[in-house]
N, C-alpha and C. Protein backbone atom coordinates (compact mmCIF):
# COMPACT_ATOMS: atom_id res chain seq x y z
N MET A 1 -58.94 -47.24 12.66
CA MET A 1 -59.14 -46.33 11.55
C MET A 1 -59.30 -47.09 10.24
N ASP A 2 -58.62 -48.23 10.09
CA ASP A 2 -58.76 -49.03 8.87
C ASP A 2 -60.17 -49.60 8.73
N TRP A 3 -60.79 -49.96 9.85
CA TRP A 3 -62.15 -50.49 9.80
C TRP A 3 -63.14 -49.44 9.33
N LEU A 4 -62.91 -48.21 9.70
CA LEU A 4 -63.80 -47.13 9.28
C LEU A 4 -63.77 -46.96 7.76
N ILE A 5 -62.60 -47.07 7.17
CA ILE A 5 -62.47 -46.95 5.72
C ILE A 5 -63.17 -48.12 5.02
N ILE A 6 -63.01 -49.31 5.57
CA ILE A 6 -63.65 -50.49 4.99
C ILE A 6 -65.16 -50.38 5.09
N ILE A 7 -65.67 -49.95 6.22
CA ILE A 7 -67.12 -49.80 6.40
C ILE A 7 -67.67 -48.73 5.46
N ALA A 8 -66.95 -47.63 5.30
CA ALA A 8 -67.39 -46.58 4.37
C ALA A 8 -67.39 -47.09 2.94
N PHE A 9 -66.39 -47.87 2.56
CA PHE A 9 -66.33 -48.43 1.22
C PHE A 9 -67.50 -49.38 0.96
N VAL A 10 -67.80 -50.23 1.92
CA VAL A 10 -68.92 -51.16 1.78
C VAL A 10 -70.25 -50.40 1.70
N ALA A 11 -70.38 -49.33 2.49
CA ALA A 11 -71.61 -48.54 2.46
C ALA A 11 -71.80 -47.88 1.09
N VAL A 12 -70.72 -47.41 0.48
CA VAL A 12 -70.82 -46.80 -0.85
C VAL A 12 -71.22 -47.85 -1.88
N ILE A 13 -70.63 -49.04 -1.80
CA ILE A 13 -70.98 -50.12 -2.72
C ILE A 13 -72.46 -50.48 -2.59
N ILE A 14 -72.94 -50.61 -1.37
CA ILE A 14 -74.36 -50.94 -1.14
C ILE A 14 -75.26 -49.84 -1.67
N ALA A 15 -74.88 -48.58 -1.48
CA ALA A 15 -75.68 -47.47 -1.98
C ALA A 15 -75.75 -47.48 -3.51
N VAL A 16 -74.63 -47.75 -4.16
CA VAL A 16 -74.61 -47.80 -5.62
C VAL A 16 -75.46 -48.96 -6.13
N LEU A 17 -75.34 -50.13 -5.52
CA LEU A 17 -76.16 -51.27 -5.94
C LEU A 17 -77.65 -51.00 -5.70
N GLY A 18 -77.97 -50.35 -4.60
CA GLY A 18 -79.37 -50.00 -4.33
C GLY A 18 -79.91 -49.02 -5.37
N LEU A 19 -79.10 -48.06 -5.76
CA LEU A 19 -79.52 -47.10 -6.78
C LEU A 19 -79.72 -47.80 -8.12
N LEU A 20 -78.82 -48.71 -8.48
CA LEU A 20 -78.98 -49.45 -9.73
C LEU A 20 -80.24 -50.30 -9.72
N TYR A 21 -80.51 -50.95 -8.60
CA TYR A 21 -81.73 -51.74 -8.51
C TYR A 21 -82.96 -50.85 -8.61
N TRP A 22 -82.93 -49.71 -7.97
CA TRP A 22 -84.08 -48.80 -8.00
C TRP A 22 -84.34 -48.30 -9.41
N ARG A 23 -83.28 -48.03 -10.17
CA ARG A 23 -83.43 -47.54 -11.54
C ARG A 23 -83.90 -48.62 -12.50
N THR A 24 -83.65 -49.89 -12.20
CA THR A 24 -84.01 -50.98 -13.10
C THR A 24 -85.01 -51.93 -12.48
N ARG A 25 -85.76 -51.47 -11.52
CA ARG A 25 -86.70 -52.35 -10.82
C ARG A 25 -87.75 -52.90 -11.80
N PRO A 26 -88.22 -54.10 -11.55
CA PRO A 26 -89.11 -54.75 -12.49
C PRO A 26 -90.51 -54.16 -12.54
N CYS A 27 -90.94 -53.45 -11.54
CA CYS A 27 -92.28 -52.88 -11.53
C CYS A 27 -92.19 -51.42 -12.00
N PRO A 28 -92.57 -51.14 -13.24
CA PRO A 28 -92.30 -49.83 -13.83
C PRO A 28 -93.26 -48.73 -13.39
N THR A 29 -92.88 -47.52 -13.73
CA THR A 29 -93.69 -46.33 -13.48
C THR A 29 -94.73 -46.20 -14.59
N CYS A 30 -95.93 -45.81 -14.22
CA CYS A 30 -97.00 -45.61 -15.21
C CYS A 30 -96.69 -44.38 -16.04
N PRO A 31 -96.73 -44.48 -17.38
CA PRO A 31 -96.47 -43.32 -18.21
C PRO A 31 -97.61 -42.31 -18.21
N ALA A 32 -98.81 -42.71 -17.79
CA ALA A 32 -99.95 -41.80 -17.79
C ALA A 32 -100.01 -40.97 -16.50
N CYS A 33 -100.01 -41.63 -15.34
CA CYS A 33 -100.12 -40.90 -14.07
C CYS A 33 -98.78 -40.69 -13.38
N GLU A 34 -97.71 -41.35 -13.91
CA GLU A 34 -96.34 -41.21 -13.42
C GLU A 34 -96.13 -41.62 -11.97
N LYS A 35 -96.92 -42.57 -11.49
CA LYS A 35 -96.72 -43.09 -10.14
C LYS A 35 -95.73 -44.25 -10.20
N ASP A 36 -94.84 -44.29 -9.20
CA ASP A 36 -93.85 -45.35 -9.12
C ASP A 36 -94.48 -46.66 -8.69
N ASN A 37 -93.86 -47.77 -9.12
CA ASN A 37 -94.30 -49.13 -8.75
C ASN A 37 -95.79 -49.34 -9.03
N ALA A 38 -96.25 -48.88 -10.19
CA ALA A 38 -97.67 -48.96 -10.51
C ALA A 38 -98.01 -50.08 -11.48
N GLY A 39 -97.03 -50.61 -12.19
CA GLY A 39 -97.31 -51.58 -13.24
C GLY A 39 -97.54 -52.98 -12.74
N LEU A 40 -98.66 -53.55 -13.09
CA LEU A 40 -98.97 -54.94 -12.82
C LEU A 40 -98.91 -55.68 -14.14
N GLU A 41 -98.09 -56.71 -14.24
CA GLU A 41 -97.92 -57.42 -15.50
C GLU A 41 -99.20 -58.16 -15.87
N ILE A 42 -99.68 -57.90 -17.09
CA ILE A 42 -100.88 -58.58 -17.60
C ILE A 42 -100.47 -59.85 -18.34
N ASP A 43 -99.59 -59.69 -19.33
CA ASP A 43 -99.10 -60.84 -20.07
C ASP A 43 -97.77 -60.50 -20.73
N ARG A 44 -97.13 -61.52 -21.27
CA ARG A 44 -95.87 -61.34 -22.00
C ARG A 44 -95.85 -62.32 -23.15
N GLU A 45 -95.27 -61.87 -24.26
CA GLU A 45 -95.11 -62.73 -25.42
C GLU A 45 -93.72 -62.53 -25.99
N VAL A 46 -93.19 -63.58 -26.59
CA VAL A 46 -91.84 -63.50 -27.16
C VAL A 46 -91.89 -62.69 -28.44
N ALA A 47 -91.10 -61.63 -28.49
CA ALA A 47 -91.02 -60.79 -29.68
C ALA A 47 -89.96 -61.31 -30.64
N LYS A 48 -88.81 -61.71 -30.09
CA LYS A 48 -87.75 -62.29 -30.92
C LYS A 48 -86.82 -63.11 -30.05
N THR A 49 -86.15 -64.04 -30.69
CA THR A 49 -85.18 -64.91 -30.03
C THR A 49 -83.86 -64.76 -30.75
N ARG A 50 -82.80 -64.60 -29.99
CA ARG A 50 -81.48 -64.44 -30.57
C ARG A 50 -80.54 -65.45 -29.92
N TYR A 51 -79.71 -66.06 -30.73
CA TYR A 51 -78.72 -67.00 -30.22
C TYR A 51 -77.38 -66.28 -30.16
N LYS A 52 -76.75 -66.30 -29.01
CA LYS A 52 -75.48 -65.63 -28.81
C LYS A 52 -74.42 -66.64 -28.44
N GLU A 53 -73.24 -66.45 -29.00
CA GLU A 53 -72.12 -67.29 -28.61
C GLU A 53 -71.17 -66.43 -27.80
N GLU A 54 -70.90 -66.86 -26.59
CA GLU A 54 -70.00 -66.12 -25.72
C GLU A 54 -68.72 -66.92 -25.54
N MET A 55 -67.62 -66.20 -25.61
CA MET A 55 -66.32 -66.83 -25.45
C MET A 55 -65.95 -66.85 -23.96
N SER A 56 -65.11 -67.77 -23.60
CA SER A 56 -64.63 -67.84 -22.23
C SER A 56 -63.74 -66.64 -21.94
N THR A 57 -63.87 -66.08 -20.76
CA THR A 57 -63.06 -64.91 -20.41
C THR A 57 -61.71 -65.29 -19.83
N PHE A 58 -61.53 -66.54 -19.45
CA PHE A 58 -60.28 -66.94 -18.80
C PHE A 58 -59.43 -67.89 -19.63
N GLY A 59 -59.76 -68.08 -20.88
CA GLY A 59 -58.88 -68.79 -21.79
C GLY A 59 -58.87 -70.30 -21.69
N GLY A 60 -59.23 -70.91 -20.62
CA GLY A 60 -59.14 -72.36 -20.51
C GLY A 60 -60.47 -73.05 -20.69
N GLY A 61 -61.54 -72.34 -20.45
CA GLY A 61 -62.84 -72.98 -20.50
C GLY A 61 -63.57 -72.72 -21.80
N ASP A 62 -64.67 -73.39 -21.92
CA ASP A 62 -65.49 -73.20 -23.11
C ASP A 62 -66.39 -72.00 -22.92
N GLY A 63 -66.76 -71.42 -24.00
CA GLY A 63 -67.78 -70.38 -23.98
C GLY A 63 -69.12 -71.08 -23.97
N GLY A 64 -69.97 -70.69 -24.84
CA GLY A 64 -71.23 -71.39 -24.90
C GLY A 64 -72.19 -70.66 -25.81
N LEU A 65 -73.24 -71.35 -26.18
CA LEU A 65 -74.30 -70.79 -26.98
C LEU A 65 -75.47 -70.49 -26.06
N PHE A 66 -75.91 -69.25 -26.05
CA PHE A 66 -76.96 -68.83 -25.15
C PHE A 66 -78.14 -68.29 -25.94
N ILE A 67 -79.32 -68.46 -25.41
CA ILE A 67 -80.53 -67.94 -26.02
C ILE A 67 -80.93 -66.68 -25.27
N GLU A 68 -81.17 -65.61 -26.03
CA GLU A 68 -81.61 -64.34 -25.45
C GLU A 68 -82.99 -64.02 -26.02
N ASN A 69 -84.00 -64.02 -25.17
CA ASN A 69 -85.36 -63.73 -25.60
C ASN A 69 -85.71 -62.28 -25.31
N THR A 70 -86.37 -61.65 -26.26
CA THR A 70 -86.93 -60.31 -26.06
C THR A 70 -88.44 -60.46 -25.98
N TYR A 71 -89.02 -59.95 -24.92
CA TYR A 71 -90.45 -60.08 -24.69
C TYR A 71 -91.15 -58.73 -24.83
N ASN A 72 -92.37 -58.76 -25.35
CA ASN A 72 -93.27 -57.62 -25.26
C ASN A 72 -94.13 -57.87 -24.02
N VAL A 73 -93.98 -57.01 -23.03
CA VAL A 73 -94.69 -57.20 -21.77
C VAL A 73 -95.74 -56.11 -21.63
N ARG A 74 -96.97 -56.51 -21.37
CA ARG A 74 -98.05 -55.55 -21.16
C ARG A 74 -98.29 -55.35 -19.68
N TYR A 75 -98.45 -54.09 -19.28
CA TYR A 75 -98.70 -53.72 -17.90
C TYR A 75 -99.99 -52.94 -17.79
N ARG A 76 -100.63 -53.04 -16.63
CA ARG A 76 -101.80 -52.22 -16.31
C ARG A 76 -101.48 -51.47 -15.01
N CYS A 77 -101.74 -50.17 -15.01
CA CYS A 77 -101.50 -49.35 -13.82
C CYS A 77 -102.53 -49.70 -12.75
N LYS A 78 -102.05 -49.93 -11.55
CA LYS A 78 -102.97 -50.27 -10.46
C LYS A 78 -103.66 -49.04 -9.88
N TYR A 79 -103.28 -47.84 -10.35
CA TYR A 79 -103.90 -46.61 -9.87
C TYR A 79 -104.90 -46.03 -10.87
N CYS A 80 -104.51 -45.91 -12.15
CA CYS A 80 -105.39 -45.26 -13.12
C CYS A 80 -105.93 -46.21 -14.18
N GLY A 81 -105.42 -47.45 -14.25
CA GLY A 81 -105.92 -48.44 -15.20
C GLY A 81 -105.31 -48.36 -16.60
N HIS A 82 -104.37 -47.45 -16.81
CA HIS A 82 -103.72 -47.31 -18.12
C HIS A 82 -102.98 -48.59 -18.48
N VAL A 83 -103.04 -49.00 -19.75
CA VAL A 83 -102.35 -50.20 -20.23
C VAL A 83 -101.26 -49.76 -21.20
N TRP A 84 -100.03 -50.31 -21.01
CA TRP A 84 -98.92 -50.00 -21.90
C TRP A 84 -98.06 -51.22 -22.09
N THR A 85 -97.22 -51.17 -23.12
CA THR A 85 -96.34 -52.29 -23.47
C THR A 85 -94.89 -51.79 -23.49
N ARG A 86 -93.98 -52.62 -23.02
CA ARG A 86 -92.57 -52.32 -23.15
C ARG A 86 -91.81 -53.61 -23.42
N GLN A 87 -90.63 -53.49 -24.04
CA GLN A 87 -89.83 -54.66 -24.35
C GLN A 87 -88.82 -54.91 -23.23
N GLU A 88 -88.65 -56.18 -22.90
CA GLU A 88 -87.67 -56.59 -21.89
C GLU A 88 -86.86 -57.73 -22.45
N VAL A 89 -85.56 -57.68 -22.22
CA VAL A 89 -84.64 -58.72 -22.68
C VAL A 89 -84.28 -59.60 -21.51
N ILE A 90 -84.47 -60.90 -21.68
CA ILE A 90 -84.13 -61.86 -20.62
C ILE A 90 -83.24 -62.93 -21.20
């Protein structure tokens, strides 16, 4: 009976992670024809660069200085040919 609870818990975790991936998948929906997985990346350019300092969460280690780039990414729909731009932070 304990194994059944563990398997159910793991299945719920996998389902939640799958849903999060599906909602944030890299291939976006076309805003014109609204078809899923339609965006083909044409190009990307850096819109802004930000330097972030993160502190250590465990008190003994160093944090660090990290670079966070925001890109303007252009996509073309593989179904209707519509071109659109959206910002992505990496």
